[in-house]
Amino acid sequence: MPENRSSAGSERRTDPEIQEAKFFAAVGYLSVLCFVPLLLKKENRFAQFHGKQGLVLFILEAAASILKAVPALGDVVFSLSFVVLGIFSLLGIVKVLMGEYWEMPVIRDVASKISL
């Protein structure tokens, strides 16, 4: 029997592990603050899941900042990455607040290989 979507959403919102980690997971999408859930909520799967994705976004932000030193092309790459990574971070925060494990395209593939 297919799972009722409304009951699945209700379970996510009431899961104590998710409720306990929402703040930390959301903060993890704010640049260097990705280390907050990774260090303070080591035993929480929800916080670690989103913290690792936040870490990959942070590394990409740092790489884009370094590329800004390249004349002309660097500014374009930095500007484009600033917008794209900002959107990913914002969507990540929204998904955290909704209590969802959202696998970001490409980002999740890299994040899943991180072991702390």
Protein backbone atom coordinates (compact mmCIF):
# COMPACT_ATOMS: atom_id res chain seq x y z
CA MET A 1 0.00 0.00 0.00
CA PRO A 2 1.47 3.44 -0.90
CA GLU A 3 2.46 5.62 2.00
CA ASN A 4 0.16 8.53 2.71
CA ARG A 5 2.12 11.73 2.01
CA SER A 6 0.47 13.73 4.76
CA SER A 7 1.33 11.14 7.41
CA ALA A 8 4.95 10.99 6.19
CA GLY A 9 5.22 14.76 6.50
CA SER A 10 3.69 14.63 9.95
CA GLU A 11 6.19 11.98 11.06
CA ARG A 12 9.11 14.12 9.84
CA ARG A 13 7.91 17.14 11.77
CA THR A 14 7.52 15.17 15.01
CA ASP A 15 10.68 13.04 14.81
CA PRO A 16 12.66 14.02 17.94
CA GLU A 17 16.02 13.58 16.18
CA ILE A 18 15.01 16.07 13.49
CA GLN A 19 13.41 18.53 15.92
CA GLU A 20 16.52 18.52 18.10
CA ALA A 21 18.82 19.24 15.15
CA LYS A 22 16.85 21.70 13.01
CA PHE A 23 18.66 24.80 14.26
CA PHE A 24 22.10 23.23 13.89
CA ALA A 25 21.30 21.78 10.46
CA ALA A 26 19.99 25.13 9.19
CA VAL A 27 23.05 27.01 10.47
CA GLY A 28 25.19 24.47 8.59
CA TYR A 29 24.19 26.04 5.29
CA LEU A 30 25.64 29.43 6.27
CA SER A 31 29.17 29.32 4.83
CA VAL A 32 31.86 28.57 7.45
CA LEU A 33 29.18 27.76 10.02
CA CYS A 34 28.89 24.35 8.32
CA PHE A 35 31.25 23.14 11.04
CA VAL A 36 28.67 23.83 13.79
CA PRO A 37 26.48 20.76 13.14
CA LEU A 38 29.49 18.65 12.17
CA LEU A 39 31.20 19.29 15.50
CA LEU A 40 28.32 19.84 17.94
CA LYS A 41 25.84 17.21 16.73
CA LYS A 42 28.07 14.27 15.83
CA GLU A 43 25.49 11.68 16.88
CA ASN A 44 22.56 13.23 14.99
CA ARG A 45 22.05 11.85 11.47
CA PHE A 46 19.90 14.81 10.37
CA ALA A 47 22.46 17.42 11.44
CA GLN A 48 25.35 15.45 9.94
CA PHE A 49 23.50 14.94 6.65
CA HIS A 50 22.89 18.67 6.18
CA GLY A 51 26.21 19.69 7.72
CA LYS A 52 28.13 17.64 5.15
CA GLN A 53 26.18 19.20 2.29
CA GLY A 54 26.88 22.62 3.82
CA LEU A 55 30.58 21.74 3.97
CA VAL A 56 30.65 20.91 0.25
CA LEU A 57 28.91 24.21 -0.51
CA PHE A 58 31.46 26.04 1.66
CA ILE A 59 34.37 24.40 -0.18
CA LEU A 60 32.84 25.40 -3.50
CA GLU A 61 32.39 28.97 -2.23
CA ALA A 62 36.04 29.09 -1.19
CA ALA A 63 37.13 27.74 -4.58
CA ALA A 64 35.02 30.36 -6.37
CA SER A 65 36.57 33.07 -4.20
CA ILE A 66 40.05 31.89 -5.16
CA LEU A 67 39.10 31.85 -8.84
CA LYS A 68 38.08 35.50 -8.53
CA ALA A 69 41.79 36.31 -8.79
CA VAL A 70 41.70 35.25 -12.45
CA PRO A 71 41.13 38.39 -14.55
CA ALA A 72 37.71 38.72 -16.27
CA LEU A 73 36.74 35.02 -16.17
CA GLY A 74 37.16 34.86 -12.40
CA ASP A 75 34.58 37.59 -11.84
CA VAL A 76 32.04 35.79 -14.01
CA VAL A 77 32.64 32.44 -12.30
CA PHE A 78 32.47 34.04 -8.87
CA SER A 79 29.24 35.90 -9.63
CA LEU A 80 27.54 32.85 -11.11
CA SER A 81 28.66 30.56 -8.30
CA PHE A 82 27.58 33.14 -5.70
CA VAL A 83 24.04 33.04 -7.08
CA VAL A 84 23.85 29.26 -7.59
CA LEU A 85 25.40 28.32 -4.24
CA GLY A 86 23.27 30.94 -2.49
CA ILE A 87 20.14 29.39 -3.96
CA PHE A 88 21.28 25.92 -2.90
CA SER A 89 21.95 27.18 0.63
CA LEU A 90 18.57 28.86 0.85
CA LEU A 91 16.79 25.74 -0.42
CA GLY A 92 18.76 23.64 2.06
CA ILE A 93 17.62 25.84 4.95
CA VAL A 94 14.01 25.63 3.78
CA LYS A 95 14.21 21.83 3.56
CA VAL A 96 15.76 21.66 7.05
CA LEU A 97 12.96 23.76 8.49
CA MET A 98 10.47 21.43 6.80
CA GLY A 99 12.26 18.50 8.46
CA GLU A 100 13.35 16.90 5.19
CA TYR A 101 16.46 15.04 4.11
CA TRP A 102 16.94 16.77 0.75
CA GLU A 103 19.69 15.39 -1.44
CA MET A 104 21.12 18.27 -3.44
CA PRO A 105 22.03 17.28 -6.99
CA VAL A 106 25.78 16.60 -7.35
CA ILE A 107 26.47 18.10 -3.89
CA ARG A 108 25.04 15.02 -2.13
CA ASP A 109 27.26 12.67 -4.14
CA VAL A 110 30.35 14.41 -2.81
CA ALA A 111 28.95 14.91 0.70
CA SER A 112 28.12 11.22 1.06
CA LYS A 113 31.82 10.38 0.67
CA ILE A 114 32.83 12.57 3.62
CA SER A 115 33.49 10.66 6.82
CA LEU A 116 34.14 12.48 10.05
